[in-house]
C-alpha atoms as a PDB file:
ATOM      1  CA  MET A   1      50.786 -79.613 -29.479  1.00  0.00           C
ATOM      2  CA  ASP A   2      49.975 -79.335 -25.778  1.00  0.00           C
ATOM      3  CA  ILE A   3      47.055 -77.525 -24.125  1.00  0.00           C
ATOM      4  CA  THR A   4      46.944 -76.847 -20.393  1.00  0.00           C
ATOM      5  CA  VAL A   5      43.765 -75.392 -18.905  1.00  0.00           C
ATOM      6  CA  ARG A   6      44.879 -72.750 -16.390  1.00  0.00           C
ATOM      7  CA  TRP A   7      41.437 -71.951 -14.981  1.00  0.00           C
ATOM      8  CA  GLU A   8      37.774 -72.493 -15.768  1.00  0.00           C
ATOM      9  CA  ARG A   9      34.582 -70.926 -14.423  1.00  0.00           C
ATOM     10  CA  GLU A  10      30.991 -72.164 -14.401  1.00  0.00           C
ATOM     11  CA  LEU A  11      28.643 -69.722 -16.139  1.00  0.00           C
ATOM     12  CA  HIS A  12      25.349 -71.343 -15.086  1.00  0.00           C
ATOM     13  CA  GLN A  13      24.130 -70.753 -18.626  1.00  0.00           C
ATOM     14  CA  ARG A  14      25.297 -71.864 -22.056  1.00  0.00           C
ATOM     15  CA  GLY A  15      28.676 -70.448 -23.019  1.00  0.00           C
ATOM     16  CA  GLY A  16      27.346 -69.312 -26.388  1.00  0.00           C
ATOM     17  CA  HIS A  17      24.782 -67.227 -24.514  1.00  0.00           C
ATOM     18  CA  SER A  18      27.456 -65.170 -22.743  1.00  0.00           C
ATOM     19  CA  ALA A  19      28.571 -61.786 -24.084  1.00  0.00           C
ATOM     20  CA  VAL A  20      32.364 -61.426 -23.748  1.00  0.00           C
ATOM     21  CA  VAL A  21      34.862 -58.581 -24.172  1.00  0.00           C
ATOM     22  CA  THR A  22      38.582 -58.878 -23.433  1.00  0.00           C
ATOM     23  CA  GLY A  23      40.874 -56.195 -22.057  1.00  0.00           C
ATOM     24  CA  PRO A  24      44.660 -55.930 -21.646  1.00  0.00           C
ATOM     25  CA  ASP A  25      44.674 -58.122 -18.514  1.00  0.00           C
ATOM     26  CA  CYS A  26      41.042 -59.075 -17.880  1.00  0.00           C
ATOM     27  CA  VAL A  27      37.886 -60.443 -19.445  1.00  0.00           C
ATOM     28  CA  VAL A  28      34.344 -59.147 -18.853  1.00  0.00           C
ATOM     29  CA  LEU A  29      31.461 -61.537 -19.408  1.00  0.00           C
ATOM     30  CA  HIS A  30      27.785 -62.042 -18.733  1.00  0.00           C
ATOM     31  CA  GLU A  31      26.823 -65.028 -16.564  1.00  0.00           C
ATOM     32  CA  ARG A  32      24.090 -66.402 -14.288  1.00  0.00           C
ATOM     33  CA  ARG A  33      21.533 -64.647 -16.529  1.00  0.00           C
ATOM     34  CA  THR A  34      21.713 -61.344 -14.604  1.00  0.00           C
ATOM     35  CA  ARG A  35      25.361 -60.722 -13.639  1.00  0.00           C
ATOM     36  CA  LEU A  36      28.333 -58.977 -15.223  1.00  0.00           C
ATOM     37  CA  VAL A  37      31.695 -60.263 -14.022  1.00  0.00           C
ATOM     38  CA  CYS A  38      35.276 -59.133 -14.584  1.00  0.00           C
ATOM     39  CA  LEU A  39      37.933 -61.854 -14.294  1.00  0.00           C
ATOM     40  CA  GLU A  40      41.705 -61.597 -14.238  1.00  0.00           C
ATOM     41  CA  GLN A  41      43.064 -63.284 -17.375  1.00  0.00           C
ATOM     42  CA  ALA A  42      46.091 -64.647 -15.493  1.00  0.00           C
ATOM     43  CA  ASP A  43      44.231 -66.828 -12.995  1.00  0.00           C
ATOM     44  CA  GLY A  44      40.462 -66.300 -13.374  1.00  0.00           C
ATOM     45  CA  ALA A  45      40.192 -64.459 -10.061  1.00  0.00           C
ATOM     46  CA  VAL A  46      37.086 -62.292  -9.755  1.00  0.00           C
ATOM     47  CA  ARG A  47      37.934 -58.596  -9.961  1.00  0.00           C
ATOM     48  CA  TRP A  48      34.296 -57.592  -9.556  1.00  0.00           C
ATOM     49  CA  ASP A  49      30.805 -59.074  -9.834  1.00  0.00           C
ATOM     50  CA  VAL A  50      27.802 -56.760 -10.247  1.00  0.00           C
ATOM     51  CA  PRO A  51      24.076 -57.093 -11.046  1.00  0.00           C
ATOM     52  CA  LEU A  52      23.388 -56.262 -14.679  1.00  0.00           C
ATOM     53  CA  GLY A  53      19.880 -57.174 -15.735  1.00  0.00           C
ATOM     54  CA  THR A  54      19.048 -59.674 -18.442  1.00  0.00           C
ATOM     55  CA  TRP A  55      21.074 -60.641 -21.489  1.00  0.00           C
ATOM     56  CA  PRO A  56      23.039 -57.632 -22.859  1.00  0.00           C
ATOM     57  CA  ARG A  57      22.164 -56.487 -26.350  1.00  0.00           C
ATOM     58  CA  ASP A  58      25.656 -55.001 -26.521  1.00  0.00           C
ATOM     59  CA  LEU A  59      28.797 -54.872 -24.403  1.00  0.00           C
ATOM     60  CA  VAL A  60      31.793 -52.658 -25.257  1.00  0.00           C
ATOM     61  CA  LEU A  61      35.149 -52.008 -23.614  1.00  0.00           C
ATOM     62  CA  ALA A  62      36.424 -48.431 -23.977  1.00  0.00           C
ATOM     63  CA  ARG A  63      39.825 -47.983 -22.389  1.00  0.00           C
ATOM     64  CA  ASP A  64      39.185 -48.106 -18.607  1.00  0.00           C
ATOM     65  CA  ARG A  65      35.388 -48.296 -18.938  1.00  0.00           C
ATOM     66  CA  VAL A  66      32.759 -50.906 -19.750  1.00  0.00           C
ATOM     67  CA  LEU A  67      29.546 -49.888 -21.535  1.00  0.00           C
ATOM     68  CA  VAL A  68      26.562 -52.226 -21.395  1.00  0.00           C
ATOM     69  CA  LEU A  69      23.017 -52.259 -22.812  1.00  0.00           C
ATOM     70  CA  PRO A  70      20.932 -55.004 -21.154  1.00  0.00           C
ATOM     71  CA  GLN A  71      17.586 -56.143 -22.525  1.00  0.00           C
ATOM     72  CA  THR A  72      16.038 -55.170 -19.202  1.00  0.00           C
ATOM     73  CA  PRO A  73      16.080 -52.726 -17.528  1.00  0.00           C
ATOM     74  CA  ASP A  74      16.129 -50.146 -20.336  1.00  0.00           C
ATOM     75  CA  ARG A  75      19.339 -48.368 -19.314  1.00  0.00           C
ATOM     76  CA  LEU A  76      22.802 -47.683 -20.661  1.00  0.00           C
ATOM     77  CA  SER A  77      25.402 -48.068 -17.919  1.00  0.00           C
ATOM     78  CA  CYS A  78      29.071 -47.118 -17.812  1.00  0.00           C
ATOM     79  CA  LEU A  79      31.221 -49.056 -15.327  1.00  0.00           C
ATOM     80  CA  ASP A  80      34.764 -48.592 -14.086  1.00  0.00           C
ATOM     81  CA  LEU A  81      36.837 -51.475 -15.485  1.00  0.00           C
ATOM     82  CA  ARG A  82      38.999 -51.578 -12.348  1.00  0.00           C
ATOM     83  CA  THR A  83      36.251 -51.699  -9.722  1.00  0.00           C
ATOM     84  CA  GLY A  84      32.902 -52.383 -11.422  1.00  0.00           C
ATOM     85  CA  ALA A  85      31.502 -49.188  -9.911  1.00  0.00           C
ATOM     86  CA  VAL A  86      28.758 -47.533 -11.968  1.00  0.00           C
ATOM     87  CA  LEU A  87      30.203 -44.215 -13.156  1.00  0.00           C
ATOM     88  CA  TRP A  88      26.951 -43.144 -14.778  1.00  0.00           C
ATOM     89  CA  SER A  89      23.704 -44.652 -15.993  1.00  0.00           C
ATOM     90  CA  THR A  90      20.915 -43.249 -18.125  1.00  0.00           C
ATOM     91  CA  PRO A  91      17.453 -44.500 -19.205  1.00  0.00           C
ATOM     92  CA  THR A  92      17.071 -45.548 -22.833  1.00  0.00           C
ATOM     93  CA  PRO A  93      14.000 -46.033 -25.043  1.00  0.00           C
ATOM     94  CA  ARG A  94      12.631 -49.574 -25.154  1.00  0.00           C
ATOM     95  CA  PHE A  95      14.436 -51.855 -27.638  1.00  0.00           C
ATOM     96  CA  THR A  96      17.558 -49.688 -27.741  1.00  0.00           C
ATOM     97  CA  GLY A  97      20.321 -51.657 -29.397  1.00  0.00           C
ATOM     98  CA  ASN A  98      23.635 -51.026 -31.161  1.00  0.00           C
ATOM     99  CA  LEU A  99      26.441 -49.589 -29.044  1.00  0.00           C
ATOM    100  CA  ALA A 100      29.784 -48.158 -30.125  1.00  0.00           C
ATOM    101  CA  VAL A 101      32.419 -45.826 -28.724  1.00  0.00           C
ATOM    102  CA  ALA A 102      34.315 -43.449 -31.018  1.00  0.00           C
ATOM    103  CA  GLY A 103      36.763 -41.083 -29.353  1.00  0.00           C
ATOM    104  CA  ASP A 104      35.023 -39.571 -26.330  1.00  0.00           C
ATOM    105  CA  THR A 105      31.486 -40.266 -27.581  1.00  0.00           C
ATOM    106  CA  VAL A 106      29.162 -43.233 -27.003  1.00  0.00           C
ATOM    107  CA  VAL A 107      26.652 -43.837 -29.823  1.00  0.00           C
ATOM    108  CA  ILE A 108      23.537 -45.971 -29.302  1.00  0.00           C
ATOM    109  CA  GLY A 109      20.299 -46.702 -31.141  1.00  0.00           C
ATOM    110  CA  GLY A 110      19.058 -47.504 -34.615  1.00  0.00           C
ATOM    111  CA  TRP A 111      18.762 -51.238 -33.959  1.00  0.00           C
ATOM    112  CA  ARG A 112      16.108 -52.640 -36.330  1.00  0.00           C
ATOM    113  CA  GLY A 113      14.743 -49.112 -36.714  1.00  0.00           C
ATOM    114  CA  TYR A 114      13.127 -49.087 -33.259  1.00  0.00           C
ATOM    115  CA  THR A 115      14.802 -45.999 -31.769  1.00  0.00           C
ATOM    116  CA  PRO A 116      16.656 -42.790 -32.624  1.00  0.00           C
ATOM    117  CA  MET A 117      20.454 -42.749 -32.726  1.00  0.00           C
ATOM    118  CA  THR A 118      21.970 -40.764 -29.866  1.00  0.00           C
ATOM    119  CA  GLY A 119      25.476 -39.584 -29.040  1.00  0.00           C
ATOM    120  CA  LEU A 120      26.456 -39.268 -25.366  1.00  0.00           C
ATOM    121  CA  ALA A 121      29.631 -38.065 -23.667  1.00  0.00           C
ATOM    122  CA  LEU A 122      31.749 -40.990 -22.500  1.00  0.00           C
ATOM    123  CA  ALA A 123      32.817 -38.981 -19.448  1.00  0.00           C
ATOM    124  CA  ASP A 124      29.403 -38.449 -17.853  1.00  0.00           C
ATOM    125  CA  GLY A 125      26.643 -39.682 -20.201  1.00  0.00           C
ATOM    126  CA  HIS A 126      25.161 -36.314 -21.111  1.00  0.00           C
ATOM    127  CA  VAL A 127      23.422 -36.229 -24.501  1.00  0.00           C
ATOM    128  CA  ARG A 128      25.395 -34.476 -27.242  1.00  0.00           C
ATOM    129  CA  TRP A 129      23.023 -35.130 -30.142  1.00  0.00           C
ATOM    130  CA  THR A 130      20.095 -37.272 -31.226  1.00  0.00           C
ATOM    131  CA  THR A 131      18.267 -37.927 -34.484  1.00  0.00           C
ATOM    132  CA  GLY A 132      15.010 -37.200 -32.670  1.00  0.00           C
ATOM    133  CA  SER A 133      13.011 -39.830 -34.532  1.00  0.00           C
ATOM    134  CA  PRO A 134      13.735 -43.546 -35.047  1.00  0.00           C
ATOM    135  CA  VAL A 135      16.243 -44.495 -37.748  1.00  0.00           C
ATOM    136  CA  ARG A 136      17.448 -47.859 -39.033  1.00  0.00           C
ATOM    137  CA  SER A 137      21.139 -48.587 -38.662  1.00  0.00           C
ATOM    138  CA  VAL A 138      23.366 -51.643 -38.867  1.00  0.00           C
ATOM    139  CA  ARG A 139      25.794 -52.221 -36.008  1.00  0.00           C
ATOM    140  CA  PRO A 140      28.292 -49.294 -36.185  1.00  0.00           C
ATOM    141  CA  LEU A 141      32.070 -49.606 -36.302  1.00  0.00           C
ATOM    142  CA  PRO A 142      34.628 -46.938 -35.297  1.00  0.00           C
ATOM    143  CA  TRP A 143      36.848 -46.116 -38.287  1.00  0.00           C
ATOM    144  CA  GLY A 144      39.426 -43.358 -38.326  1.00  0.00           C
ATOM    145  CA  ALA A 145      37.905 -40.288 -36.713  1.00  0.00           C
ATOM    146  CA  GLY A 146      34.341 -41.373 -37.487  1.00  0.00           C
ATOM    147  CA  LEU A 147      31.800 -44.113 -37.072  1.00  0.00           C
ATOM    148  CA  LEU A 148      30.646 -46.350 -39.926  1.00  0.00           C
ATOM    149  CA  THR A 149      26.931 -47.049 -40.052  1.00  0.00           C
ATOM    150  CA  GLY A 150      24.240 -47.302 -42.711  1.00  0.00           C
ATOM    151  CA  SER A 151      21.202 -49.160 -43.971  1.00  0.00           C
ATOM    152  CA  GLY A 152      19.912 -50.420 -47.290  1.00  0.00           C
ATOM    153  CA  SER A 153      22.431 -49.658 -50.031  1.00  0.00           C
ATOM    154  CA  GLU A 154      24.096 -46.730 -48.270  1.00  0.00           C
ATOM    155  CA  VAL A 155      27.083 -46.584 -45.893  1.00  0.00           C
ATOM    156  CA  VAL A 156      27.543 -43.408 -43.837  1.00  0.00           C
ATOM    157  CA  LEU A 157      30.595 -42.195 -41.933  1.00  0.00           C
ATOM    158  CA  LEU A 158      29.240 -40.225 -38.963  1.00  0.00           C
ATOM    159  CA  ASP A 159      31.036 -37.556 -37.001  1.00  0.00           C
ATOM    160  CA  PRO A 160      30.580 -38.928 -33.452  1.00  0.00           C
ATOM    161  CA  ARG A 161      30.750 -35.431 -31.953  1.00  0.00           C
ATOM    162  CA  ASP A 162      27.538 -34.158 -33.573  1.00  0.00           C
ATOM    163  CA  GLY A 163      26.073 -37.015 -35.643  1.00  0.00           C
ATOM    164  CA  ALA A 164      26.685 -35.226 -38.952  1.00  0.00           C
ATOM    165  CA  ALA A 165      27.520 -37.285 -42.050  1.00  0.00           C
ATOM    166  CA  LEU A 166      31.189 -36.903 -42.983  1.00  0.00           C
ATOM    167  CA  LYS A 167      30.902 -39.119 -46.071  1.00  0.00           C
ATOM    168  CA  ARG A 168      28.442 -41.391 -47.855  1.00  0.00           C
ATOM    169  CA  TRP A 169      28.985 -44.385 -50.127  1.00  0.00           C
ATOM    170  CA  ARG A 170      26.527 -46.214 -52.370  1.00  0.00           C
ATOM    171  CA  LEU A 171      26.743 -50.013 -52.530  1.00  0.00           C
ATOM    172  CA  PRO A 172      26.075 -52.203 -55.566  1.00  0.00           C
ATOM    173  CA  GLU A 173      23.647 -54.217 -53.398  1.00  0.00           C
ATOM    174  CA  PRO A 174      22.093 -53.699 -49.925  1.00  0.00           C
ATOM    175  CA  LEU A 175      23.971 -54.287 -46.687  1.00  0.00           C
ATOM    176  CA  ARG A 176      23.350 -57.667 -45.111  1.00  0.00           C
ATOM    177  CA  PRO A 177      20.230 -57.623 -42.901  1.00  0.00           C
ATOM    178  CA  GLY A 178      20.237 -58.949 -39.324  1.00  0.00           C
ATOM    179  CA  ASP A 179      21.972 -58.143 -36.053  1.00  0.00           C
ATOM    180  CA  GLY A 180      25.539 -59.229 -36.845  1.00  0.00           C
ATOM    181  CA  GLY A 181      28.372 -56.869 -37.704  1.00  0.00           C
ATOM    182  CA  VAL A 182      28.617 -55.910 -41.372  1.00  0.00           C
ATOM    183  CA  PHE A 183      31.845 -53.846 -41.285  1.00  0.00           C
ATOM    184  CA  THR A 184      35.430 -54.806 -40.576  1.00  0.00           C
ATOM    185  CA  ALA A 185      38.682 -52.867 -40.782  1.00  0.00           C
ATOM    186  CA  PRO A 186      42.217 -53.410 -39.521  1.00  0.00           C
ATOM    187  CA  PRO A 187      43.125 -51.217 -36.525  1.00  0.00           C
ATOM    188  CA  ALA A 188      45.401 -48.940 -38.564  1.00  0.00           C
ATOM    189  CA  GLY A 189      43.954 -49.569 -42.024  1.00  0.00           C
ATOM    190  CA  ASP A 190      42.878 -46.997 -44.601  1.00  0.00           C
ATOM    191  CA  ARG A 191      39.997 -49.052 -46.009  1.00  0.00           C
ATOM    192  CA  PHE A 192      36.988 -50.904 -44.668  1.00  0.00           C
ATOM    193  CA  VAL A 193      35.137 -53.974 -45.911  1.00  0.00           C
ATOM    194  CA  ALA A 194      31.345 -54.303 -45.777  1.00  0.00           C
ATOM    195  CA  VAL A 195      29.055 -57.304 -46.227  1.00  0.00           C
ATOM    196  CA  ALA A 196      26.514 -56.829 -49.015  1.00  0.00           C
ATOM    197  CA  GLY A 197      23.718 -59.369 -49.298  1.00  0.00           C
ATOM    198  CA  TRP A 198      24.562 -62.827 -47.974  1.00  0.00           C
ATOM    199  CA  ALA A 199      27.691 -63.631 -49.932  1.00  0.00           C
ATOM    200  CA  SER A 200      29.438 -60.464 -51.167  1.00  0.00           C
ATOM    201  CA  LEU A 201      32.122 -58.179 -49.797  1.00  0.00           C
ATOM    202  CA  VAL A 202      32.653 -54.565 -50.831  1.00  0.00           C
ATOM    203  CA  SER A 203      35.727 -52.463 -50.010  1.00  0.00           C
ATOM    204  CA  PHE A 204      36.065 -48.684 -49.807  1.00  0.00           C
ATOM    205  CA  GLY A 205      38.885 -46.310 -48.951  1.00  0.00           C
ATOM    206  CA  PRO A 206      38.455 -42.821 -47.481  1.00  0.00           C
ATOM    207  CA  GLY A 207      38.762 -41.090 -50.857  1.00  0.00           C
ATOM    208  CA  ALA A 208      36.841 -43.628 -52.923  1.00  0.00           C
ATOM    209  CA  ARG A 209      33.534 -42.680 -54.548  1.00  0.00           C
ATOM    210  CA  VAL A 210      32.990 -46.165 -55.961  1.00  0.00           C
ATOM    211  CA  PRO A 211      34.005 -49.551 -54.493  1.00  0.00           C
ATOM    212  CA  GLU A 212      37.692 -50.401 -54.690  1.00  0.00           C
ATOM    213  CA  TRP A 213      36.526 -53.959 -55.201  1.00  0.00           C
ATOM    214  CA  HIS A 214      33.328 -56.000 -55.023  1.00  0.00           C
ATOM    215  CA  ALA A 215      33.512 -59.796 -54.904  1.00  0.00           C
ATOM    216  CA  ALA A 216      31.007 -62.633 -54.416  1.00  0.00           C
ATOM    217  CA  TYR A 217      31.712 -65.831 -52.452  1.00  0.00           C
ATOM    218  CA  GLU A 218      29.740 -68.781 -51.157  1.00  0.00           C
ATOM    219  CA  PRO A 219      27.355 -67.814 -48.284  1.00  0.00           C
ATOM    220  CA  PHE A 220      29.079 -67.110 -44.968  1.00  0.00           C
ATOM    221  CA  ALA A 221      28.141 -66.138 -41.413  1.00  0.00           C
ATOM    222  CA  TRP A 222      30.673 -64.489 -39.051  1.00  0.00           C
ATOM    223  CA  PHE A 223      33.427 -62.455 -40.669  1.00  0.00           C
ATOM    224  CA  GLY A 224      36.189 -60.123 -39.528  1.00  0.00           C
ATOM    225  CA  HIS A 225      39.848 -59.136 -39.767  1.00  0.00           C
ATOM    226  CA  VAL A 226      42.255 -61.648 -38.220  1.00  0.00           C
ATOM    227  CA  GLY A 227      45.919 -61.078 -38.903  1.00  0.00           C
ATOM    228  CA  ASP A 228      46.344 -59.655 -42.404  1.00  0.00           C
ATOM    229  CA  ALA A 229      43.268 -61.314 -43.903  1.00  0.00           C
ATOM    230  CA  VAL A 230      39.492 -61.111 -43.829  1.00  0.00           C
ATOM    231  CA  TRP A 231      38.016 -64.370 -42.489  1.00  0.00           C
ATOM    232  CA  MET A 232      34.562 -65.693 -43.367  1.00  0.00           C
ATOM    233  CA  HIS A 233      32.915 -68.461 -41.310  1.00  0.00           C
ATOM    234  CA  ARG A 234      31.270 -70.872 -43.735  1.00  0.00           C
ATOM    235  CA  PRO A 235      27.992 -72.535 -42.623  1.00  0.00           C
ATOM    236  CA  ALA A 236      29.154 -75.779 -44.238  1.00  0.00           C
ATOM    237  CA  GLY A 237      32.174 -75.756 -41.926  1.00  0.00           C
ATOM    238  CA  GLY A 238      35.544 -74.037 -41.800  1.00  0.00           C
ATOM    239  CA  PHE A 239      36.750 -70.617 -42.801  1.00  0.00           C
ATOM    240  CA  ARG A 240      37.622 -68.919 -46.045  1.00  0.00           C
ATOM    241  CA  THR A 241      40.142 -66.082 -46.052  1.00  0.00           C
ATOM    242  CA  VAL A 242      40.518 -63.293 -48.593  1.00  0.00           C
ATOM    243  CA  ASP A 243      42.994 -60.490 -49.230  1.00  0.00           C
ATOM    244  CA  PRO A 244      41.472 -57.205 -47.940  1.00  0.00           C
ATOM    245  CA  VAL A 245      43.381 -55.239 -50.600  1.00  0.00           C
ATOM    246  CA  ASP A 246      41.701 -56.811 -53.634  1.00  0.00           C
ATOM    247  CA  GLY A 247      39.273 -59.461 -52.326  1.00  0.00           C
ATOM    248  CA  SER A 248      41.182 -62.354 -53.905  1.00  0.00           C
ATOM    249  CA  ARG A 249      40.756 -65.758 -52.267  1.00  0.00           C
ATOM    250  CA  LEU A 250      43.707 -66.839 -50.140  1.00  0.00           C
ATOM    251  CA  TRP A 251      42.872 -70.215 -48.613  1.00  0.00           C
ATOM    252  CA  CYS A 252      40.157 -72.294 -46.981  1.00  0.00           C
ATOM    253  CA  THR A 253      40.491 -74.257 -43.713  1.00  0.00           C
ATOM    254  CA  GLY A 254      38.634 -77.290 -45.030  1.00  0.00           C
ATOM    255  CA  THR A 255      41.813 -79.213 -45.842  1.00  0.00           C
ATOM    256  CA  GLY A 256      43.070 -81.242 -42.885  1.00  0.00           C
ATOM    257  CA  VAL A 257      40.377 -80.239 -40.369  1.00  0.00           C
ATOM    258  CA  GLY A 258      37.111 -81.874 -41.374  1.00  0.00           C
ATOM    259  CA  GLN A 259      35.099 -80.661 -38.365  1.00  0.00           C
ATOM    260  CA  GLN A 260      32.457 -77.963 -37.792  1.00  0.00           C
ATOM    261  CA  LEU A 261      34.539 -74.999 -36.658  1.00  0.00           C
ATOM    262  CA  VAL A 262      33.380 -72.328 -34.207  1.00  0.00           C
ATOM    263  CA  ALA A 263      33.789 -68.584 -34.709  1.00  0.00           C
ATOM    264  CA  GLY A 264      36.885 -66.944 -33.312  1.00  0.00           C
ATOM    265  CA  PRO A 265      40.192 -67.765 -35.045  1.00  0.00           C
ATOM    266  CA  VAL A 266      43.094 -66.673 -32.832  1.00  0.00           C
ATOM    267  CA  PRO A 267      46.539 -65.582 -34.133  1.00  0.00           C
ATOM    268  CA  TYR A 268      49.340 -67.799 -32.813  1.00  0.00           C
ATOM    269  CA  GLY A 269      52.972 -67.551 -33.913  1.00  0.00           C
ATOM    270  CA  ASP A 270      52.961 -67.222 -37.695  1.00  0.00           C
ATOM    271  CA  GLY A 271      49.661 -69.099 -37.917  1.00  0.00           C
ATOM    272  CA  PHE A 272      46.328 -69.414 -36.139  1.00  0.00           C
ATOM    273  CA  LEU A 273      44.329 -71.483 -33.665  1.00  0.00           C
ATOM    274  CA  VAL A 274      40.776 -72.546 -34.492  1.00  0.00           C
ATOM    275  CA  GLY A 275      38.328 -74.673 -32.518  1.00  0.00           C
ATOM    276  CA  SER A 276      35.755 -77.271 -33.507  1.00  0.00           C
ATOM    277  CA  ASP A 277      32.422 -77.693 -31.767  1.00  0.00           C
ATOM    278  CA  ASN A 278      33.434 -81.165 -30.574  1.00  0.00           C
ATOM    279  CA  GLY A 279      36.308 -79.702 -28.525  1.00  0.00           C
ATOM    280  CA  GLY A 280      39.244 -79.988 -30.889  1.00  0.00           C
ATOM    281  CA  VAL A 281      41.748 -77.140 -31.141  1.00  0.00           C
ATOM    282  CA  TYR A 282      43.736 -76.997 -34.382  1.00  0.00           C
ATOM    283  CA  ALA A 283      46.959 -75.136 -35.087  1.00  0.00           C
ATOM    284  CA  LEU A 284      46.925 -73.811 -38.644  1.00  0.00           C
ATOM    285  CA  GLY A 285      49.991 -72.742 -40.566  1.00  0.00           C
ATOM    286  CA  PRO A 286      50.093 -69.446 -42.482  1.00  0.00           C
ATOM    287  CA  ASP A 287      48.632 -71.292 -45.492  1.00  0.00           C
ATOM    288  CA  GLY A 288      45.609 -72.469 -43.498  1.00  0.00           C
ATOM    289  CA  ARG A 289      46.615 -76.127 -43.322  1.00  0.00           C
ATOM    290  CA  ALA A 290      46.272 -77.918 -39.984  1.00  0.00           C
ATOM    291  CA  VAL A 291      49.687 -78.785 -38.530  1.00  0.00           C
ATOM    292  CA  ALA A 292      48.613 -80.019 -35.077  1.00  0.00           C
ATOM    293  CA  ARG A 293      45.512 -80.913 -33.092  1.00  0.00           C
ATOM    294  CA  ARG A 294      44.596 -81.445 -29.444  1.00  0.00           C
ATOM    295  CA  SER A 295      41.260 -81.880 -27.693  1.00  0.00           C
ATOM    296  CA  LEU A 296      40.142 -79.632 -24.845  1.00  0.00           C
ATOM    297  CA  GLY A 297      37.769 -82.357 -23.700  1.00  0.00           C
ATOM    298  CA  ARG A 298      34.679 -80.133 -23.747  1.00  0.00           C
ATOM    299  CA  ARG A 299      32.370 -78.891 -26.498  1.00  0.00           C
ATOM    300  CA  LEU A 300      33.283 -75.396 -27.658  1.00  0.00           C
ATOM    301  CA  ASP A 301      31.237 -72.329 -28.537  1.00  0.00           C
ATOM    302  CA  GLY A 302      34.082 -69.930 -29.354  1.00  0.00           C
ATOM    303  CA  LEU A 303      37.717 -68.914 -28.900  1.00  0.00           C
ATOM    304  CA  HIS A 304      39.265 -65.562 -27.943  1.00  0.00           C
ATOM    305  CA  PRO A 305      42.905 -64.402 -27.819  1.00  0.00           C
ATOM    306  CA  ALA A 306      44.423 -63.849 -24.384  1.00  0.00           C
ATOM    307  CA  ALA A 307      46.715 -60.893 -23.752  1.00  0.00           C
ATOM    308  CA  ASP A 308      49.611 -63.176 -22.715  1.00  0.00           C
ATOM    309  CA  GLY A 309      49.501 -65.136 -25.987  1.00  0.00           C
ATOM    310  CA  GLY A 310      47.327 -67.896 -24.558  1.00  0.00           C
ATOM    311  CA  LEU A 311      43.771 -68.875 -25.365  1.00  0.00           C
ATOM    312  CA  LEU A 312      40.401 -67.977 -23.852  1.00  0.00           C
ATOM    313  CA  PHE A 313      37.581 -70.393 -24.584  1.00  0.00           C
ATOM    314  CA  ALA A 314      33.806 -70.513 -24.181  1.00  0.00           C
ATOM    315  CA  SER A 315      32.413 -74.006 -23.794  1.00  0.00           C
ATOM    316  CA  ARG A 316      28.872 -75.276 -23.283  1.00  0.00           C
ATOM    317  CA  GLY A 317      28.450 -73.778 -19.813  1.00  0.00           C
ATOM    318  CA  THR A 318      31.941 -72.622 -18.796  1.00  0.00           C
ATOM    319  CA  PHE A 319      34.544 -70.028 -19.673  1.00  0.00           C
ATOM    320  CA  GLY A 320      38.260 -70.504 -19.184  1.00  0.00           C
ATOM    321  CA  ALA A 321      41.856 -69.865 -20.170  1.00  0.00           C
ATOM    322  CA  ALA A 322      44.476 -72.261 -21.509  1.00  0.00           C
ATOM    323  CA  THR A 323      48.155 -72.247 -22.388  1.00  0.00           C
ATOM    324  CA  VAL A 324      48.956 -73.653 -25.842  1.00  0.00           C
ATOM    325  CA  THR A 325      52.328 -74.950 -26.981  1.00  0.00           C
ATOM    326  CA  VAL A 326      52.857 -75.980 -30.576  1.00  0.00           C
ATOM    327  CA  THR A 327      56.107 -77.818 -31.231  1.00  0.00           C
ATOM    328  CA  PRO A 328      57.484 -77.223 -34.746  1.00  0.00           C
END
């Protein structure tokens, strides 16, 4: 296994404190505490560099646009992905959080119950609907033609055009509290998986009135769809994967790695790449067993897939891209 760092950029802040979204040929990230920068994935060249405000509560890429909600000032801004030009910007209530784009609508608000939820036109930012009063909502996720949200023991599929509820589901236990994502779904899938409590997953399909399955595991932190499986980041180290169809356990990365792994498994060939906080990058086979290892020589905060099949990495203070070659 060989790793060649193609480019690397100083962030002037900890890598784990940088919001990152990746596009087809670029990466947008927060750096220097108050800047938003777009870099070419091929060589790290700066496409644009604009003032943002302080740490973004949310950052979303929507086709040829970037949506950002900084902590301060209290504004939602929409930028052109090609140039960084501000296409529109609108004031938001204090403590506005949660940001998602579904179709041609941007939905914000509901974070920790501080603000109303509001739907705005992606084209120009005009308000299409609002709940009027504050509501509590977990971080939403686009799914099909709607937007998954919810709080407590209820999941709601919103119509992004008018905020109406298209469908509601009751959970056997409350959604996980906190600011992390609680929903995941494959891009073309017909079911979604939600985190209930601290250690359970619940799956629903569009026509289901009751859960298709509900399974408990050991406590986990980050989770999401990677490849054909749902991955759970275990606080004790490593990942556990489960089948999204029935929730059955597939495999755990503990065997052959033995290091504290960072969030962000990356598909590679018929397997995956995972990183450890001490800088190791491991190639895992389709069964989750480590088949190769190489050190990047810097402590890691996270990994991201690059559009060209390479690897994007966040370290303790830098962000960069690498080419990985795994010899069978």
